[in-house]
C-alpha atoms as a PDB file:
ATOM      1  CA  UNK A   1      35.548  44.280  60.122  1.00  0.00           C
ATOM      2  CA  UNK A   2      33.001  45.118  63.174  1.00  0.00           C
ATOM      3  CA  UNK A   3      31.581  42.478  65.269  1.00  0.00           C
ATOM      4  CA  UNK A   4      28.185  42.408  66.956  1.00  0.00           C
ATOM      5  CA  UNK A   5      27.320  42.489  70.281  1.00  0.00           C
ATOM      6  CA  UNK A   6      23.342  42.219  71.589  1.00  0.00           C
ATOM      7  CA  UNK A   7      22.747  43.855  74.372  1.00  0.00           C
ATOM      8  CA  UNK A   8      20.194  43.901  76.908  1.00  0.00           C
ATOM      9  CA  UNK A   9      18.389  46.978  77.160  1.00  0.00           C
ATOM     10  CA  UNK A  10      15.146  45.927  79.017  1.00  0.00           C
ATOM     11  CA  UNK A  11      12.790  47.010  76.767  1.00  0.00           C
ATOM     12  CA  UNK A  12      12.775  44.278  74.055  1.00  0.00           C
ATOM     13  CA  UNK A  13      10.647  41.605  74.015  1.00  0.00           C
ATOM     14  CA  UNK A  14      10.442  38.353  76.747  1.00  0.00           C
ATOM     15  CA  UNK A  15      13.217  36.458  76.018  1.00  0.00           C
ATOM     16  CA  UNK A  16      14.831  37.864  72.633  1.00  0.00           C
ATOM     17  CA  UNK A  17      18.397  38.397  73.833  1.00  0.00           C
ATOM     18  CA  UNK A  18      18.391  34.857  74.547  1.00  0.00           C
ATOM     19  CA  UNK A  19      17.232  33.940  70.998  1.00  0.00           C
ATOM     20  CA  UNK A  20      19.460  35.605  68.833  1.00  0.00           C
ATOM     21  CA  UNK A  21      21.598  34.381  70.698  1.00  0.00           C
ATOM     22  CA  UNK A  22      21.192  30.992  70.564  1.00  0.00           C
ATOM     23  CA  UNK A  23      19.521  30.848  66.510  1.00  0.00           C
ATOM     24  CA  UNK A  24      22.796  32.458  65.682  1.00  0.00           C
ATOM     25  CA  UNK A  25      24.437  29.463  67.793  1.00  0.00           C
ATOM     26  CA  UNK A  26      22.500  27.511  66.613  1.00  0.00           C
ATOM     27  CA  UNK A  27      22.477  27.820  62.953  1.00  0.00           C
ATOM     28  CA  UNK A  28      25.994  29.945  62.149  1.00  0.00           C
ATOM     29  CA  UNK A  29      27.795  28.167  64.916  1.00  0.00           C
ATOM     30  CA  UNK A  30      28.449  32.418  66.695  1.00  0.00           C
ATOM     31  CA  UNK A  31      29.220  32.213  70.347  1.00  0.00           C
ATOM     32  CA  UNK A  32      27.829  35.010  71.933  1.00  0.00           C
ATOM     33  CA  UNK A  33      27.577  36.563  74.716  1.00  0.00           C
ATOM     34  CA  UNK A  34      24.675  38.977  74.808  1.00  0.00           C
ATOM     35  CA  UNK A  35      25.581  42.061  77.830  1.00  0.00           C
ATOM     36  CA  UNK A  36      23.045  43.101  80.441  1.00  0.00           C
ATOM     37  CA  UNK A  37      22.345  47.298  80.515  1.00  0.00           C
ATOM     38  CA  UNK A  38      19.479  46.356  81.625  1.00  0.00           C
ATOM     39  CA  UNK A  39      19.157  48.396  84.333  1.00  0.00           C
ATOM     40  CA  UNK A  40      21.333  51.513  83.110  1.00  0.00           C
ATOM     41  CA  UNK A  41      18.600  51.684  80.168  1.00  0.00           C
ATOM     42  CA  UNK A  42      15.840  51.816  82.243  1.00  0.00           C
ATOM     43  CA  UNK A  43      17.469  54.177  85.379  1.00  0.00           C
ATOM     44  CA  UNK A  44      17.553  56.513  82.230  1.00  0.00           C
ATOM     45  CA  UNK A  45      13.898  55.511  80.887  1.00  0.00           C
ATOM     46  CA  UNK A  46      12.777  55.924  83.763  1.00  0.00           C
ATOM     47  CA  UNK A  47       9.986  59.577  84.109  1.00  0.00           C
ATOM     48  CA  UNK A  48      10.787  59.744  80.619  1.00  0.00           C
ATOM     49  CA  UNK A  49       7.075  60.292  79.609  1.00  0.00           C
ATOM     50  CA  UNK A  50       7.480  61.231  75.550  1.00  0.00           C
ATOM     51  CA  UNK A  51       8.152  58.952  72.795  1.00  0.00           C
ATOM     52  CA  UNK A  52      10.943  61.224  70.663  1.00  0.00           C
ATOM     53  CA  UNK A  53      13.000  62.255  74.015  1.00  0.00           C
ATOM     54  CA  UNK A  54      12.526  58.041  74.667  1.00  0.00           C
ATOM     55  CA  UNK A  55      14.227  57.244  71.535  1.00  0.00           C
ATOM     56  CA  UNK A  56      17.554  59.774  71.292  1.00  0.00           C
ATOM     57  CA  UNK A  57      18.350  58.314  75.206  1.00  0.00           C
ATOM     58  CA  UNK A  58      18.407  54.578  74.192  1.00  0.00           C
ATOM     59  CA  UNK A  59      20.440  56.141  70.976  1.00  0.00           C
ATOM     60  CA  UNK A  60      22.820  58.094  73.132  1.00  0.00           C
ATOM     61  CA  UNK A  61      22.942  55.241  75.733  1.00  0.00           C
ATOM     62  CA  UNK A  62      23.799  51.983  72.596  1.00  0.00           C
ATOM     63  CA  UNK A  63      26.537  54.648  70.340  1.00  0.00           C
ATOM     64  CA  UNK A  64      28.216  55.387  74.239  1.00  0.00           C
ATOM     65  CA  UNK A  65      28.207  51.556  74.793  1.00  0.00           C
ATOM     66  CA  UNK A  66      29.589  50.748  71.920  1.00  0.00           C
ATOM     67  CA  UNK A  67      33.485  50.746  72.685  1.00  0.00           C
ATOM     68  CA  UNK A  68      33.073  50.113  76.478  1.00  0.00           C
ATOM     69  CA  UNK A  69      31.240  47.116  76.444  1.00  0.00           C
ATOM     70  CA  UNK A  70      34.046  44.439  77.184  1.00  0.00           C
ATOM     71  CA  UNK A  71      34.848  46.686  80.276  1.00  0.00           C
ATOM     72  CA  UNK A  72      31.079  46.320  81.168  1.00  0.00           C
ATOM     73  CA  UNK A  73      31.603  49.889  81.929  1.00  0.00           C
ATOM     74  CA  UNK A  74      28.779  52.244  80.167  1.00  0.00           C
ATOM     75  CA  UNK A  75      30.133  56.181  80.181  1.00  0.00           C
ATOM     76  CA  UNK A  76      27.636  58.861  81.556  1.00  0.00           C
ATOM     77  CA  UNK A  77      28.305  61.532  79.052  1.00  0.00           C
ATOM     78  CA  UNK A  78      27.864  61.355  74.984  1.00  0.00           C
ATOM     79  CA  UNK A  79      30.774  62.128  73.044  1.00  0.00           C
ATOM     80  CA  UNK A  80      30.012  64.407  70.736  1.00  0.00           C
ATOM     81  CA  UNK A  81      28.998  62.925  66.765  1.00  0.00           C
ATOM     82  CA  UNK A  82      31.064  64.727  64.070  1.00  0.00           C
ATOM     83  CA  UNK A  83      27.769  64.703  62.102  1.00  0.00           C
ATOM     84  CA  UNK A  84      24.124  65.478  63.280  1.00  0.00           C
ATOM     85  CA  UNK A  85      22.042  62.081  64.286  1.00  0.00           C
ATOM     86  CA  UNK A  86      19.917  62.540  60.996  1.00  0.00           C
ATOM     87  CA  UNK A  87      22.557  63.170  58.865  1.00  0.00           C
ATOM     88  CA  UNK A  88      23.936  59.714  59.896  1.00  0.00           C
ATOM     89  CA  UNK A  89      21.051  57.445  60.372  1.00  0.00           C
ATOM     90  CA  UNK A  90      19.101  58.839  57.329  1.00  0.00           C
ATOM     91  CA  UNK A  91      17.217  55.999  55.276  1.00  0.00           C
ATOM     92  CA  UNK A  92      15.441  58.553  52.897  1.00  0.00           C
ATOM     93  CA  UNK A  93      12.031  57.406  54.052  1.00  0.00           C
END
């Protein structure tokens, strides 16, 4: 079974990560550590105006950050996906 790790990407609602952490602790007894990757995300998005490009950059950072969150290190080069992103996340909508 996988585990979840809340990541503060710097563009969430005010205090949203802290609220998620507190709600899960209070109601489910789950203790989480929120990873603050906001500086990395905001640096990557700096100067990017196109919403589609922003979406792709944010998604790529999350994919790259996942295996290394515990080490506190976010690699700069994304590993290639085995299947196209649209096929992986296709919701049929």
